[in-house]
Amino acid sequence: MTLALYLPALITAFLITIIEMTEVVVLVVAVSADHPSARPGATGAVVGVVGVSVIAVGIGAALSVVSHFYLLWASALVLAAFGVFLFRSTVRSYRRAALPPGTGPPSKVAGALQFGTGLTAGVVEAIEVVIVLLGITAAGYALSAIVGALVGGVALIVLAFLVHERLRRIKVPWLKLAATSMLFTFAAFWFGEALGVSWPEADLFLIPLFVVALLVTRGLIQVQLALRAVPPPAGSAGH
């Protein structure tokens, strides 16, 4: 695995870390809204993220003995599969955004519930980040994955301290749309490289690929939303 910094991979690692971990921060802030301190939830989230990260380090180290050619195929498949998973999550986020606002968290939240909520969110979202980072690492860009994830994590921590009251206003569907499109972009790019495709302008071709992925993904999301919005045919209840 190369130790050179690969800017597109670094940006992908940075963005996926920001996007997925933002959901953890938002959830911790929300569940702690009526509690004197967010520390129990934040502690649970940190424990979950660190635990998953430690396991991921061992898995990433094992990839160094595998051929780059096979890793390129594997990373493309992983990113494509996770792109499909994230696409479904993005559709759900768009649907939730269209619903009227809920009643919010309960007025009193026990510390144990905060910790458990933070821990669960930290584990789930960290696993999602790790899947993508391992895909980037498998393609030979381990340093880019590590640096991008660390920079993204630090940036989000600073942001959480500065604007934690506004984090609940972040448009998660937009962030997930960008992340889903980015995953499909790299999956297509690395599939092409594994097949021996010589991309025009090399890495710069990622830009038009991303634009196409963004438009196609947004279109498919709109189709999914429209399908769910179609009312059942008249008289169908009697069948």
Protein backbone atom coordinates (compact mmCIF):
# COMPACT_ATOMS: atom_id res chain seq x y z
CA MET A 1 0.00 0.00 0.00
CA THR A 2 1.34 3.38 -0.99
CA LEU A 3 2.11 5.98 1.64
CA ALA A 4 1.57 8.88 -0.78
CA LEU A 5 -1.34 11.21 -0.20
CA TYR A 6 -4.02 10.77 -2.86
CA LEU A 7 -6.24 13.87 -2.76
CA PRO A 8 -9.52 12.38 -4.09
CA ALA A 9 -9.30 9.46 -1.64
CA LEU A 10 -8.41 11.84 1.20
CA ILE A 11 -11.44 14.02 0.38
CA THR A 12 -13.69 10.95 0.30
CA ALA A 13 -12.42 9.78 3.72
CA PHE A 14 -12.86 13.30 5.08
CA LEU A 15 -16.41 13.67 3.77
CA ILE A 16 -17.66 10.23 4.83
CA THR A 17 -16.27 10.82 8.33
CA ILE A 18 -17.92 14.23 8.58
CA ILE A 19 -21.25 12.98 7.23
CA GLU A 20 -21.60 9.81 9.29
CA MET A 21 -20.20 11.25 12.51
CA THR A 22 -22.42 14.31 12.17
CA GLU A 23 -25.38 11.99 12.69
CA VAL A 24 -23.82 10.77 15.95
CA VAL A 25 -23.28 14.33 17.19
CA VAL A 26 -26.80 15.39 16.21
CA LEU A 27 -28.32 12.38 17.98
CA VAL A 28 -26.29 12.96 21.14
CA VAL A 29 -27.24 16.65 21.16
CA ALA A 30 -30.91 15.81 20.59
CA VAL A 31 -31.18 13.14 23.28
CA SER A 32 -29.43 15.48 25.74
CA ALA A 33 -31.58 18.51 24.94
CA ASP A 34 -33.50 18.47 28.24
CA HIS A 35 -30.64 17.15 30.34
CA PRO A 36 -28.14 19.34 32.25
CA SER A 37 -25.18 17.73 30.45
CA ALA A 38 -24.51 15.89 27.20
CA ARG A 39 -21.50 14.14 28.73
CA PRO A 40 -23.10 10.66 29.17
CA GLY A 41 -24.20 10.54 25.53
CA ALA A 42 -20.90 11.92 24.27
CA THR A 43 -18.98 9.40 26.38
CA GLY A 44 -21.00 6.53 24.95
CA ALA A 45 -20.38 7.76 21.40
CA VAL A 46 -16.62 8.04 22.00
CA VAL A 47 -16.46 4.53 23.47
CA GLY A 48 -18.33 3.11 20.47
CA VAL A 49 -16.24 4.90 17.86
CA VAL A 50 -12.91 4.09 19.52
CA GLY A 51 -13.83 0.42 19.95
CA VAL A 52 -14.73 0.00 16.28
CA SER A 53 -11.62 1.96 15.21
CA VAL A 54 -9.26 -0.30 17.18
CA ILE A 55 -10.70 -3.37 15.48
CA ALA A 56 -10.45 -1.66 12.08
CA VAL A 57 -6.73 -0.96 12.54
CA GLY A 58 -5.99 -4.68 12.76
CA ILE A 59 -8.08 -5.42 9.68
CA GLY A 60 -6.38 -2.63 7.73
CA ALA A 61 -2.91 -3.92 8.61
CA ALA A 62 -3.77 -7.36 7.23
CA LEU A 63 -4.53 -5.85 3.81
CA SER A 64 -0.83 -5.08 3.22
CA VAL A 65 -0.12 -8.72 2.25
CA VAL A 66 -2.83 -8.87 -0.45
CA SER A 67 -2.20 -8.07 -4.13
CA HIS A 68 -3.18 -4.55 -5.18
CA PHE A 69 -5.05 -5.90 -8.21
CA TYR A 70 -7.42 -7.98 -6.09
CA LEU A 71 -7.77 -5.22 -3.53
CA LEU A 72 -8.83 -2.82 -6.29
CA TRP A 73 -11.67 -5.16 -7.26
CA ALA A 74 -12.60 -5.70 -3.62
CA SER A 75 -12.60 -1.99 -2.80
CA ALA A 76 -14.81 -1.18 -5.80
CA LEU A 77 -17.28 -3.90 -4.77
CA VAL A 78 -17.30 -2.71 -1.15
CA LEU A 79 -17.88 0.92 -2.11
CA ALA A 80 -20.61 -0.02 -4.60
CA ALA A 81 -22.37 -2.22 -2.03
CA PHE A 82 -22.17 0.42 0.65
CA GLY A 83 -23.33 3.01 -1.89
CA VAL A 84 -26.52 0.98 -2.35
CA PHE A 85 -26.95 0.76 1.42
CA LEU A 86 -26.37 4.49 1.85
CA PHE A 87 -28.75 5.20 -1.04
CA ARG A 88 -31.56 3.46 0.85
CA SER A 89 -30.65 5.43 3.97
CA THR A 90 -30.67 8.65 1.92
CA VAL A 91 -34.16 7.91 0.61
CA ARG A 92 -35.36 7.38 4.17
CA SER A 93 -33.78 10.70 5.20
CA TYR A 94 -35.62 12.53 2.40
CA ARG A 95 -38.88 10.92 3.51
CA ARG A 96 -38.31 11.87 7.15
CA ALA A 97 -37.48 15.44 6.10
CA ALA A 98 -40.90 15.68 4.44
CA LEU A 99 -42.74 14.70 7.65
CA PRO A 100 -43.99 17.29 10.17
CA PRO A 101 -41.61 17.85 13.08
CA GLY A 102 -42.01 15.48 16.02
CA THR A 103 -42.49 16.24 19.65
CA GLY A 104 -38.78 16.05 20.41
CA PRO A 105 -36.93 14.18 23.16
CA PRO A 106 -38.46 13.64 26.57
CA SER A 107 -37.99 16.36 29.17
CA LYS A 108 -35.84 14.16 31.40
CA VAL A 109 -33.36 11.66 30.02
CA ALA A 110 -31.50 9.27 32.28
CA GLY A 111 -27.72 9.20 31.99
CA ALA A 112 -27.79 5.48 31.22
CA LEU A 113 -30.15 6.05 28.29
CA GLN A 114 -27.93 8.85 26.99
CA PHE A 115 -24.85 6.64 27.23
CA GLY A 116 -26.60 3.73 25.51
CA THR A 117 -27.90 5.95 22.74
CA GLY A 118 -24.48 7.49 22.16
CA LEU A 119 -22.77 4.09 22.27
CA THR A 120 -25.19 2.56 19.76
CA ALA A 121 -24.95 5.52 17.39
CA GLY A 122 -21.16 5.59 17.68
CA VAL A 123 -20.80 1.89 16.89
CA VAL A 124 -23.22 1.89 13.96
CA GLU A 125 -21.91 5.03 12.28
CA ALA A 126 -18.26 4.13 12.94
CA ILE A 127 -18.79 0.77 11.24
CA GLU A 128 -20.20 2.56 8.21
CA VAL A 129 -17.18 4.88 8.11
CA VAL A 130 -14.77 1.97 8.56
CA ILE A 131 -16.32 0.07 5.63
CA VAL A 132 -15.56 2.99 3.33
CA LEU A 133 -12.10 3.62 4.80
CA LEU A 134 -11.17 -0.03 4.38
CA GLY A 135 -12.31 0.21 0.78
CA ILE A 136 -9.99 3.18 0.25
CA THR A 137 -7.18 1.39 2.10
CA ALA A 138 -7.66 -1.73 -0.01
CA ALA A 139 -7.17 0.36 -3.15
CA GLY A 140 -3.74 1.37 -1.86
CA TYR A 141 -4.47 4.73 -0.24
CA ALA A 142 -4.12 3.91 3.45
CA LEU A 143 -2.47 7.20 4.41
CA SER A 144 -5.13 9.21 2.60
CA ALA A 145 -7.86 7.27 4.43
CA ILE A 146 -6.23 7.83 7.83
CA VAL A 147 -5.45 11.52 7.30
CA GLY A 148 -8.88 12.25 5.81
CA ALA A 149 -10.68 10.50 8.66
CA LEU A 150 -8.58 12.20 11.35
CA VAL A 151 -8.98 15.67 9.84
CA GLY A 152 -12.71 15.07 9.43
CA GLY A 153 -13.05 13.87 13.02
CA VAL A 154 -11.13 16.80 14.49
CA ALA A 155 -13.03 19.30 12.33
CA LEU A 156 -16.35 17.85 13.47
CA ILE A 157 -15.37 17.95 17.15
CA VAL A 158 -14.42 21.62 16.84
CA LEU A 159 -17.65 22.32 14.94
CA ALA A 160 -19.69 20.53 17.59
CA PHE A 161 -18.27 22.75 20.32
CA LEU A 162 -18.80 25.94 18.32
CA VAL A 163 -22.27 25.39 16.89
CA HIS A 164 -23.76 22.46 18.80
CA GLU A 165 -27.12 24.21 19.14
CA ARG A 166 -27.44 24.49 15.36
CA LEU A 167 -26.33 20.97 14.46
CA ARG A 168 -29.92 19.74 14.48
CA ARG A 169 -30.62 22.08 11.55
CA ILE A 170 -28.09 20.41 9.25
CA LYS A 171 -29.76 19.01 6.16
CA VAL A 172 -28.73 15.39 6.57
CA PRO A 173 -30.44 14.30 3.28
CA TRP A 174 -28.20 16.65 1.30
CA LEU A 175 -25.09 15.33 3.01
CA LYS A 176 -26.10 11.73 2.40
CA LEU A 177 -26.84 12.48 -1.26
CA ALA A 178 -23.31 13.81 -1.71
CA ALA A 179 -21.80 10.85 0.12
CA THR A 180 -23.81 8.28 -1.86
CA SER A 181 -22.81 9.92 -5.15
CA MET A 182 -19.16 9.99 -4.06
CA LEU A 183 -19.19 6.27 -3.25
CA PHE A 184 -20.73 5.36 -6.61
CA THR A 185 -18.19 7.62 -8.34
CA PHE A 186 -15.18 5.88 -6.82
CA ALA A 187 -16.72 2.44 -7.27
CA ALA A 188 -17.14 3.11 -11.01
CA PHE A 189 -13.67 4.65 -11.27
CA TRP A 190 -11.95 1.74 -9.54
CA PHE A 191 -13.97 -0.86 -11.44
CA GLY A 192 -12.69 0.80 -14.59
CA GLU A 193 -9.09 0.74 -13.36
CA ALA A 194 -9.41 -2.94 -12.43
CA LEU A 195 -10.68 -3.63 -15.98
CA GLY A 196 -7.75 -1.74 -17.48
CA VAL A 197 -9.69 1.36 -18.55
CA SER A 198 -7.52 4.40 -19.26
CA TRP A 199 -9.59 7.29 -17.93
CA PRO A 200 -9.39 10.61 -19.84
CA GLU A 201 -7.36 13.18 -17.86
CA ALA A 202 -6.76 10.49 -15.21
CA ASP A 203 -8.06 11.61 -11.77
CA LEU A 204 -9.72 14.73 -13.19
CA PHE A 205 -12.29 12.43 -14.78
CA LEU A 206 -13.65 11.88 -11.28
CA ILE A 207 -15.34 15.29 -11.53
CA PRO A 208 -17.69 14.49 -14.45
CA LEU A 209 -18.22 11.01 -12.99
CA PHE A 210 -19.34 12.58 -9.72
CA VAL A 211 -21.69 14.98 -11.52
CA VAL A 212 -23.29 12.08 -13.38
CA ALA A 213 -23.55 10.01 -10.18
CA LEU A 214 -25.09 12.97 -8.34
CA LEU A 215 -27.74 13.55 -11.03
CA VAL A 216 -28.58 9.86 -11.38
CA THR A 217 -28.75 9.29 -7.62
CA ARG A 218 -30.98 12.33 -7.07
CA GLY A 219 -33.22 11.20 -9.91
CA LEU A 220 -33.56 7.72 -8.45
CA ILE A 221 -34.37 9.19 -5.04
CA GLN A 222 -37.13 11.27 -6.61
CA VAL A 223 -38.52 8.17 -8.31
CA GLN A 224 -38.55 6.31 -4.98
CA LEU A 225 -40.31 9.21 -3.28
CA ALA A 226 -42.88 9.44 -6.09
CA LEU A 227 -43.59 5.71 -5.98
CA ARG A 228 -44.31 5.86 -2.25
CA ALA A 229 -46.51 8.91 -2.73
CA VAL A 230 -48.80 7.25 -5.32
CA PRO A 231 -52.16 6.36 -3.64
CA PRO A 232 -53.55 2.84 -4.10
CA PRO A 233 -56.05 2.34 -6.97
CA ALA A 234 -59.72 2.86 -6.13
CA GLY A 235 -61.39 -0.31 -4.92
CA SER A 236 -58.10 -2.07 -4.24
CA ALA A 237 -59.04 -2.58 -0.57
CA GLY A 238 -61.69 -5.03 -1.57
CA HIS A 239 -59.25 -7.41 -3.26
